């Protein structure tokens, strides 16, 4: 990630935006700390996002018991 001062960023804003569009993260600093970040745009559509989340969820581990049974077991002090 490249860091620019506020003065540099104000002079080179179109170039910094182009960097972010190319996938680079750009930091803008006041000298002592980063005060702003330019992130690459998220090109994922809403449908793609939900498809990805659905696939990740289905690929995850399945639980061996439902929440009601788990809470009852915990309440009753059953350690298994």
C-alpha atoms as a PDB file:
ATOM      1  CA  UNK A   1       0.000   0.000   0.000  1.00  0.00           C
ATOM      2  CA  UNK A   2       1.413   3.351  -0.999  1.00  0.00           C
ATOM      3  CA  UNK A   3       0.986   6.317   1.313  1.00  0.00           C
ATOM      4  CA  UNK A   4       0.626   9.927   0.163  1.00  0.00           C
ATOM      5  CA  UNK A   5       0.475  13.150   2.115  1.00  0.00           C
ATOM      6  CA  UNK A   6      -2.702  15.215   1.928  1.00  0.00           C
ATOM      7  CA  UNK A   7      -0.917  17.745  -0.297  1.00  0.00           C
ATOM      8  CA  UNK A   8       0.289  14.999  -2.673  1.00  0.00           C
ATOM      9  CA  UNK A   9      -3.151  13.423  -2.734  1.00  0.00           C
ATOM     10  CA  UNK A  10      -4.857  16.692  -3.606  1.00  0.00           C
ATOM     11  CA  UNK A  11      -2.437  17.244  -6.501  1.00  0.00           C
ATOM     12  CA  UNK A  12      -2.635  13.655  -7.787  1.00  0.00           C
ATOM     13  CA  UNK A  13      -6.208  12.586  -7.009  1.00  0.00           C
ATOM     14  CA  UNK A  14      -7.013  11.251 -10.505  1.00  0.00           C
ATOM     15  CA  UNK A  15      -3.866   9.086 -10.431  1.00  0.00           C
ATOM     16  CA  UNK A  16      -4.675   7.791  -6.948  1.00  0.00           C
ATOM     17  CA  UNK A  17      -8.185   6.874  -8.046  1.00  0.00           C
ATOM     18  CA  UNK A  18      -6.720   5.054 -11.049  1.00  0.00           C
ATOM     19  CA  UNK A  19      -4.419   3.117  -8.700  1.00  0.00           C
ATOM     20  CA  UNK A  20      -7.414   2.068  -6.590  1.00  0.00           C
ATOM     21  CA  UNK A  21      -9.332   0.998  -9.698  1.00  0.00           C
ATOM     22  CA  UNK A  22      -6.354  -1.201 -10.655  1.00  0.00           C
ATOM     23  CA  UNK A  23      -6.686  -2.995  -7.325  1.00  0.00           C
ATOM     24  CA  UNK A  24      -4.176  -1.082  -5.212  1.00  0.00           C
ATOM     25  CA  UNK A  25      -4.988   0.250  -1.765  1.00  0.00           C
ATOM     26  CA  UNK A  26      -3.908   3.881  -1.293  1.00  0.00           C
ATOM     27  CA  UNK A  27      -3.397   5.596   2.069  1.00  0.00           C
ATOM     28  CA  UNK A  28      -3.553   9.332   2.657  1.00  0.00           C
ATOM     29  CA  UNK A  29      -1.644  10.628   5.659  1.00  0.00           C
ATOM     30  CA  UNK A  30      -1.514  13.886   7.580  1.00  0.00           C
ATOM     31  CA  UNK A  31       2.126  13.151   8.335  1.00  0.00           C
ATOM     32  CA  UNK A  32       1.597  11.387  11.642  1.00  0.00           C
ATOM     33  CA  UNK A  33      -1.247   9.007  10.838  1.00  0.00           C
ATOM     34  CA  UNK A  34      -3.355   7.641   8.015  1.00  0.00           C
ATOM     35  CA  UNK A  35      -6.530   9.708   7.736  1.00  0.00           C
ATOM     36  CA  UNK A  36      -8.109   8.135   4.641  1.00  0.00           C
ATOM     37  CA  UNK A  37      -7.922   4.962   2.554  1.00  0.00           C
ATOM     38  CA  UNK A  38      -8.869   4.399  -1.067  1.00  0.00           C
ATOM     39  CA  UNK A  39      -9.890   0.783  -1.596  1.00  0.00           C
ATOM     40  CA  UNK A  40     -10.365  -1.074  -4.872  1.00  0.00           C
ATOM     41  CA  UNK A  41     -14.032  -1.148  -5.863  1.00  0.00           C
ATOM     42  CA  UNK A  42     -16.060  -4.252  -5.108  1.00  0.00           C
ATOM     43  CA  UNK A  43     -17.033  -5.585  -8.507  1.00  0.00           C
ATOM     44  CA  UNK A  44     -19.173  -8.411  -7.095  1.00  0.00           C
ATOM     45  CA  UNK A  45     -22.878  -8.077  -7.896  1.00  0.00           C
ATOM     46  CA  UNK A  46     -25.527  -8.694  -5.270  1.00  0.00           C
ATOM     47  CA  UNK A  47     -26.458 -12.022  -6.879  1.00  0.00           C
ATOM     48  CA  UNK A  48     -22.790 -13.095  -6.928  1.00  0.00           C
ATOM     49  CA  UNK A  49     -22.419 -12.113  -3.279  1.00  0.00           C
ATOM     50  CA  UNK A  50     -25.406 -14.200  -2.185  1.00  0.00           C
ATOM     51  CA  UNK A  51     -24.298 -17.147  -4.317  1.00  0.00           C
ATOM     52  CA  UNK A  52     -20.830 -17.007  -2.719  1.00  0.00           C
ATOM     53  CA  UNK A  53     -22.240 -16.771   0.818  1.00  0.00           C
ATOM     54  CA  UNK A  54     -24.644 -19.636   0.107  1.00  0.00           C
ATOM     55  CA  UNK A  55     -21.801 -21.829  -1.227  1.00  0.00           C
ATOM     56  CA  UNK A  56     -19.558 -21.006   1.740  1.00  0.00           C
ATOM     57  CA  UNK A  57     -22.382 -21.801   4.151  1.00  0.00           C
ATOM     58  CA  UNK A  58     -23.134 -25.144   2.523  1.00  0.00           C
ATOM     59  CA  UNK A  59     -19.447 -26.051   2.508  1.00  0.00           C
ATOM     60  CA  UNK A  60     -19.122 -25.346   6.235  1.00  0.00           C
ATOM     61  CA  UNK A  61     -19.407 -27.929   8.984  1.00  0.00           C
ATOM     62  CA  UNK A  62     -22.845 -29.232   9.843  1.00  0.00           C
ATOM     63  CA  UNK A  63     -23.949 -29.285  13.454  1.00  0.00           C
ATOM     64  CA  UNK A  64     -24.766 -32.618  15.023  1.00  0.00           C
ATOM     65  CA  UNK A  65     -27.592 -31.222  17.144  1.00  0.00           C
ATOM     66  CA  UNK A  66     -30.026 -28.344  16.929  1.00  0.00           C
ATOM     67  CA  UNK A  67     -29.831 -25.250  19.110  1.00  0.00           C
ATOM     68  CA  UNK A  68     -32.733 -26.245  21.380  1.00  0.00           C
ATOM     69  CA  UNK A  69     -31.113 -29.565  22.283  1.00  0.00           C
ATOM     70  CA  UNK A  70     -27.733 -27.898  22.784  1.00  0.00           C
ATOM     71  CA  UNK A  71     -29.169 -25.300  25.193  1.00  0.00           C
ATOM     72  CA  UNK A  72     -31.117 -27.961  27.109  1.00  0.00           C
ATOM     73  CA  UNK A  73     -27.987 -30.104  27.432  1.00  0.00           C
ATOM     74  CA  UNK A  74     -25.957 -27.119  28.623  1.00  0.00           C
ATOM     75  CA  UNK A  75     -28.696 -26.088  31.082  1.00  0.00           C
ATOM     76  CA  UNK A  76     -28.918 -29.566  32.523  1.00  0.00           C
ATOM     77  CA  UNK A  77     -25.156 -29.746  32.997  1.00  0.00           C
ATOM     78  CA  UNK A  78     -24.572 -32.652  30.609  1.00  0.00           C
ATOM     79  CA  UNK A  79     -20.888 -32.315  29.627  1.00  0.00           C
ATOM     80  CA  UNK A  80     -21.106 -34.432  26.457  1.00  0.00           C
END
